Amino acid sequence: MALRHLLLLLLGVVVLSTPSLADFKKPFPKPKPPIYKPPKIEKPFPEPKPPVYKPPKVEKPPVYKPPKVEKPPVYKPPKVEKPPVYKPPKVEKPFPEPKPPVYKPPKIEKPFPEHKPPTYKPPFKPPHN
């Protein structure tokens, strides 16, 4: 089945790739048939219609608007300046007198400890109950 499809595909490629088989002459275009156009008929003017009744325009009475009442001004208390806060005068501190140096005993270098043999520790045995 797959072989048939492959052969058909191969045949189609050969036919389309061959210039003598791929190029064919197109037929002459057919002339279009004439389109029927109906003759123009002049329409008579329509008869005048009687005028349509339009009722007279009635103006609406004015709507009552109450007079605007201005609001009384809101009371704002007068601004009272706060008295200045007392700030004590700055007193300059005198420089402290230099302290005498603290006595430090001289460092004494310890002699390097001699190598001690390891001490024997008996193995730990838990007590029996």
C-alpha atoms as a PDB file:
ATOM      1  CA  MET A   1       0.000   0.000   0.000  1.00  0.00           C
ATOM      2  CA  ALA A   2       2.775   2.435   0.907  1.00  0.00           C
ATOM      3  CA  LEU A   3       4.593   1.417  -2.288  1.00  0.00           C
ATOM      4  CA  ARG A   4       1.542   2.406  -4.366  1.00  0.00           C
ATOM      5  CA  HIS A   5       1.399   5.839  -2.730  1.00  0.00           C
ATOM      6  CA  LEU A   6       5.104   6.338  -3.311  1.00  0.00           C
ATOM      7  CA  LEU A   7       4.799   5.363  -6.989  1.00  0.00           C
ATOM      8  CA  LEU A   8       1.823   7.700  -7.497  1.00  0.00           C
ATOM      9  CA  LEU A   9       3.703  10.559  -5.863  1.00  0.00           C
ATOM     10  CA  LEU A  10       6.752   9.872  -8.031  1.00  0.00           C
ATOM     11  CA  LEU A  11       4.586   9.761 -11.178  1.00  0.00           C
ATOM     12  CA  GLY A  12       2.953  13.080 -10.260  1.00  0.00           C
ATOM     13  CA  VAL A  13       6.322  14.733  -9.717  1.00  0.00           C
ATOM     14  CA  VAL A  14       7.599  13.454 -13.106  1.00  0.00           C
ATOM     15  CA  VAL A  15       4.464  14.617 -14.956  1.00  0.00           C
ATOM     16  CA  LEU A  16       4.481  18.073 -13.408  1.00  0.00           C
ATOM     17  CA  SER A  17       8.226  18.568 -13.798  1.00  0.00           C
ATOM     18  CA  THR A  18       8.237  17.681 -17.527  1.00  0.00           C
ATOM     19  CA  PRO A  19       7.829  20.997 -19.417  1.00  0.00           C
ATOM     20  CA  SER A  20       5.946  19.518 -22.381  1.00  0.00           C
ATOM     21  CA  LEU A  21       3.259  18.025 -20.134  1.00  0.00           C
ATOM     22  CA  ALA A  22       3.054  20.895 -17.629  1.00  0.00           C
ATOM     23  CA  ASP A  23       2.658  23.652 -20.226  1.00  0.00           C
ATOM     24  CA  PHE A  24      -0.668  23.444 -21.984  1.00  0.00           C
ATOM     25  CA  LYS A  25      -2.525  26.036 -24.004  1.00  0.00           C
ATOM     26  CA  LYS A  26      -5.384  27.789 -22.324  1.00  0.00           C
ATOM     27  CA  PRO A  27      -8.706  27.884 -24.204  1.00  0.00           C
ATOM     28  CA  PHE A  28      -9.891  31.170 -25.692  1.00  0.00           C
ATOM     29  CA  PRO A  29     -12.058  33.209 -23.347  1.00  0.00           C
ATOM     30  CA  LYS A  30     -15.768  32.962 -24.104  1.00  0.00           C
ATOM     31  CA  PRO A  31     -17.543  36.224 -24.961  1.00  0.00           C
ATOM     32  CA  LYS A  32     -19.847  37.439 -22.227  1.00  0.00           C
ATOM     33  CA  PRO A  33     -23.541  37.463 -23.013  1.00  0.00           C
ATOM     34  CA  PRO A  34     -25.126  40.933 -23.218  1.00  0.00           C
ATOM     35  CA  ILE A  35     -26.739  42.155 -20.007  1.00  0.00           C
ATOM     36  CA  TYR A  36     -30.423  43.121 -20.282  1.00  0.00           C
ATOM     37  CA  LYS A  37     -31.103  46.688 -19.215  1.00  0.00           C
ATOM     38  CA  PRO A  38     -34.760  47.609 -18.854  1.00  0.00           C
ATOM     39  CA  PRO A  39     -35.789  50.914 -20.417  1.00  0.00           C
ATOM     40  CA  LYS A  40     -36.061  53.899 -18.092  1.00  0.00           C
ATOM     41  CA  ILE A  41     -39.602  54.854 -17.230  1.00  0.00           C
ATOM     42  CA  GLU A  42     -40.242  58.367 -16.000  1.00  0.00           C
ATOM     43  CA  LYS A  43     -42.287  58.376 -12.811  1.00  0.00           C
ATOM     44  CA  PRO A  44     -45.130  60.886 -12.579  1.00  0.00           C
ATOM     45  CA  PHE A  45     -44.931  63.449  -9.796  1.00  0.00           C
ATOM     46  CA  PRO A  46     -46.778  62.352  -6.663  1.00  0.00           C
ATOM     47  CA  GLU A  47     -49.988  64.137  -5.818  1.00  0.00           C
ATOM     48  CA  PRO A  48     -49.566  66.880  -3.222  1.00  0.00           C
ATOM     49  CA  LYS A  49     -50.523  65.773   0.257  1.00  0.00           C
ATOM     50  CA  PRO A  50     -52.693  67.902   2.500  1.00  0.00           C
ATOM     51  CA  PRO A  51     -50.765  69.690   5.276  1.00  0.00           C
ATOM     52  CA  VAL A  52     -50.370  67.832   8.549  1.00  0.00           C
ATOM     53  CA  TYR A  53     -51.922  69.485  11.614  1.00  0.00           C
ATOM     54  CA  LYS A  54     -49.343  70.794  14.027  1.00  0.00           C
ATOM     55  CA  PRO A  55     -50.685  71.953  17.382  1.00  0.00           C
ATOM     56  CA  PRO A  56     -49.452  75.333  18.554  1.00  0.00           C
ATOM     57  CA  LYS A  57     -46.502  75.294  20.893  1.00  0.00           C
ATOM     58  CA  VAL A  58     -47.440  75.964  24.487  1.00  0.00           C
ATOM     59  CA  GLU A  59     -44.708  77.391  26.649  1.00  0.00           C
ATOM     60  CA  LYS A  60     -44.312  75.767  30.023  1.00  0.00           C
ATOM     61  CA  PRO A  61     -44.912  78.011  33.031  1.00  0.00           C
ATOM     62  CA  PRO A  62     -41.727  78.961  34.869  1.00  0.00           C
ATOM     63  CA  VAL A  63     -40.724  76.670  37.701  1.00  0.00           C
ATOM     64  CA  TYR A  64     -40.585  78.276  41.147  1.00  0.00           C
ATOM     65  CA  LYS A  65     -37.072  78.675  42.435  1.00  0.00           C
ATOM     66  CA  PRO A  66     -36.721  79.727  46.059  1.00  0.00           C
ATOM     67  CA  PRO A  67     -34.373  82.637  46.658  1.00  0.00           C
ATOM     68  CA  LYS A  68     -30.854  81.702  47.587  1.00  0.00           C
ATOM     69  CA  VAL A  69     -30.048  82.242  51.232  1.00  0.00           C
ATOM     70  CA  GLU A  70     -26.435  82.907  51.987  1.00  0.00           C
ATOM     71  CA  LYS A  71     -25.037  80.968  54.887  1.00  0.00           C
ATOM     72  CA  PRO A  72     -23.704  83.006  57.781  1.00  0.00           C
ATOM     73  CA  PRO A  73     -19.916  82.964  58.019  1.00  0.00           C
ATOM     74  CA  VAL A  74     -18.393  80.294  60.218  1.00  0.00           C
ATOM     75  CA  TYR A  75     -16.894  81.607  63.426  1.00  0.00           C
ATOM     76  CA  LYS A  76     -13.129  81.492  63.456  1.00  0.00           C
ATOM     77  CA  PRO A  77     -11.501  82.298  66.788  1.00  0.00           C
ATOM     78  CA  PRO A  78      -8.727  84.844  66.596  1.00  0.00           C
ATOM     79  CA  LYS A  79      -5.231  83.471  66.409  1.00  0.00           C
ATOM     80  CA  VAL A  80      -3.368  83.791  69.668  1.00  0.00           C
ATOM     81  CA  GLU A  81       0.371  83.526  69.528  1.00  0.00           C
ATOM     82  CA  LYS A  82       1.838  81.184  72.106  1.00  0.00           C
ATOM     83  CA  PRO A  83       4.444  82.636  74.429  1.00  0.00           C
ATOM     84  CA  PRO A  84       7.951  81.416  73.692  1.00  0.00           C
ATOM     85  CA  VAL A  85       9.127  78.339  75.560  1.00  0.00           C
ATOM     86  CA  TYR A  86      11.838  79.014  78.117  1.00  0.00           C
ATOM     87  CA  LYS A  87      15.210  77.706  77.068  1.00  0.00           C
ATOM     88  CA  PRO A  88      17.952  77.842  79.703  1.00  0.00           C
ATOM     89  CA  PRO A  89      21.129  79.481  78.503  1.00  0.00           C
ATOM     90  CA  LYS A  90      23.846  77.173  77.299  1.00  0.00           C
ATOM     91  CA  VAL A  91      26.724  76.784  79.686  1.00  0.00           C
ATOM     92  CA  GLU A  92      29.991  75.729  78.206  1.00  0.00           C
ATOM     93  CA  LYS A  93      31.599  72.890  80.135  1.00  0.00           C
ATOM     94  CA  PRO A  94      35.282  73.300  80.846  1.00  0.00           C
ATOM     95  CA  PHE A  95      37.570  70.607  79.477  1.00  0.00           C
ATOM     96  CA  PRO A  96      38.220  67.901  82.101  1.00  0.00           C
ATOM     97  CA  GLU A  97      41.705  67.799  83.469  1.00  0.00           C
ATOM     98  CA  PRO A  98      43.772  64.968  82.023  1.00  0.00           C
ATOM     99  CA  LYS A  99      43.958  61.961  84.322  1.00  0.00           C
ATOM    100  CA  PRO A 100      47.302  60.483  85.147  1.00  0.00           C
ATOM    101  CA  PRO A 101      47.951  57.184  83.360  1.00  0.00           C
ATOM    102  CA  VAL A 102      46.856  54.052  85.173  1.00  0.00           C
ATOM    103  CA  TYR A 103      49.720  51.854  86.357  1.00  0.00           C
ATOM    104  CA  LYS A 104      50.033  48.643  84.429  1.00  0.00           C
ATOM    105  CA  PRO A 105      52.426  46.007  85.728  1.00  0.00           C
ATOM    106  CA  PRO A 106      54.942  44.902  83.153  1.00  0.00           C
ATOM    107  CA  LYS A 107      54.153  41.727  81.299  1.00  0.00           C
ATOM    108  CA  ILE A 108      56.200  38.787  82.372  1.00  0.00           C
ATOM    109  CA  GLU A 109      56.704  36.135  79.817  1.00  0.00           C
ATOM    110  CA  LYS A 110      55.988  32.686  81.207  1.00  0.00           C
ATOM    111  CA  PRO A 111      58.522  30.024  80.444  1.00  0.00           C
ATOM    112  CA  PHE A 112      57.347  27.490  77.904  1.00  0.00           C
ATOM    113  CA  PRO A 113      55.922  24.481  79.832  1.00  0.00           C
ATOM    114  CA  GLU A 114      57.896  21.345  79.538  1.00  0.00           C
ATOM    115  CA  HIS A 115      56.348  18.308  77.898  1.00  0.00           C
ATOM    116  CA  LYS A 116      54.607  16.175  80.531  1.00  0.00           C
ATOM    117  CA  PRO A 117      53.978  12.487  79.976  1.00  0.00           C
ATOM    118  CA  PRO A 118      50.241  11.618  79.702  1.00  0.00           C
ATOM    119  CA  THR A 119      48.643  10.598  82.979  1.00  0.00           C
ATOM    120  CA  TYR A 120      46.938   7.231  83.211  1.00  0.00           C
ATOM    121  CA  LYS A 121      43.147   7.284  83.673  1.00  0.00           C
ATOM    122  CA  PRO A 122      41.491   4.017  84.654  1.00  0.00           C
ATOM    123  CA  PRO A 123      38.544   3.004  82.421  1.00  0.00           C
ATOM    124  CA  PHE A 124      35.129   4.045  83.671  1.00  0.00           C
ATOM    125  CA  LYS A 125      32.949   1.224  84.963  1.00  0.00           C
ATOM    126  CA  PRO A 126      29.286   1.873  85.617  1.00  0.00           C
ATOM    127  CA  PRO A 127      28.060   0.892  89.121  1.00  0.00           C
ATOM    128  CA  HIS A 128      26.033  -2.335  89.408  1.00  0.00           C
ATOM    129  CA  ASN A 129      22.591  -2.119  90.985  1.00  0.00           C
END
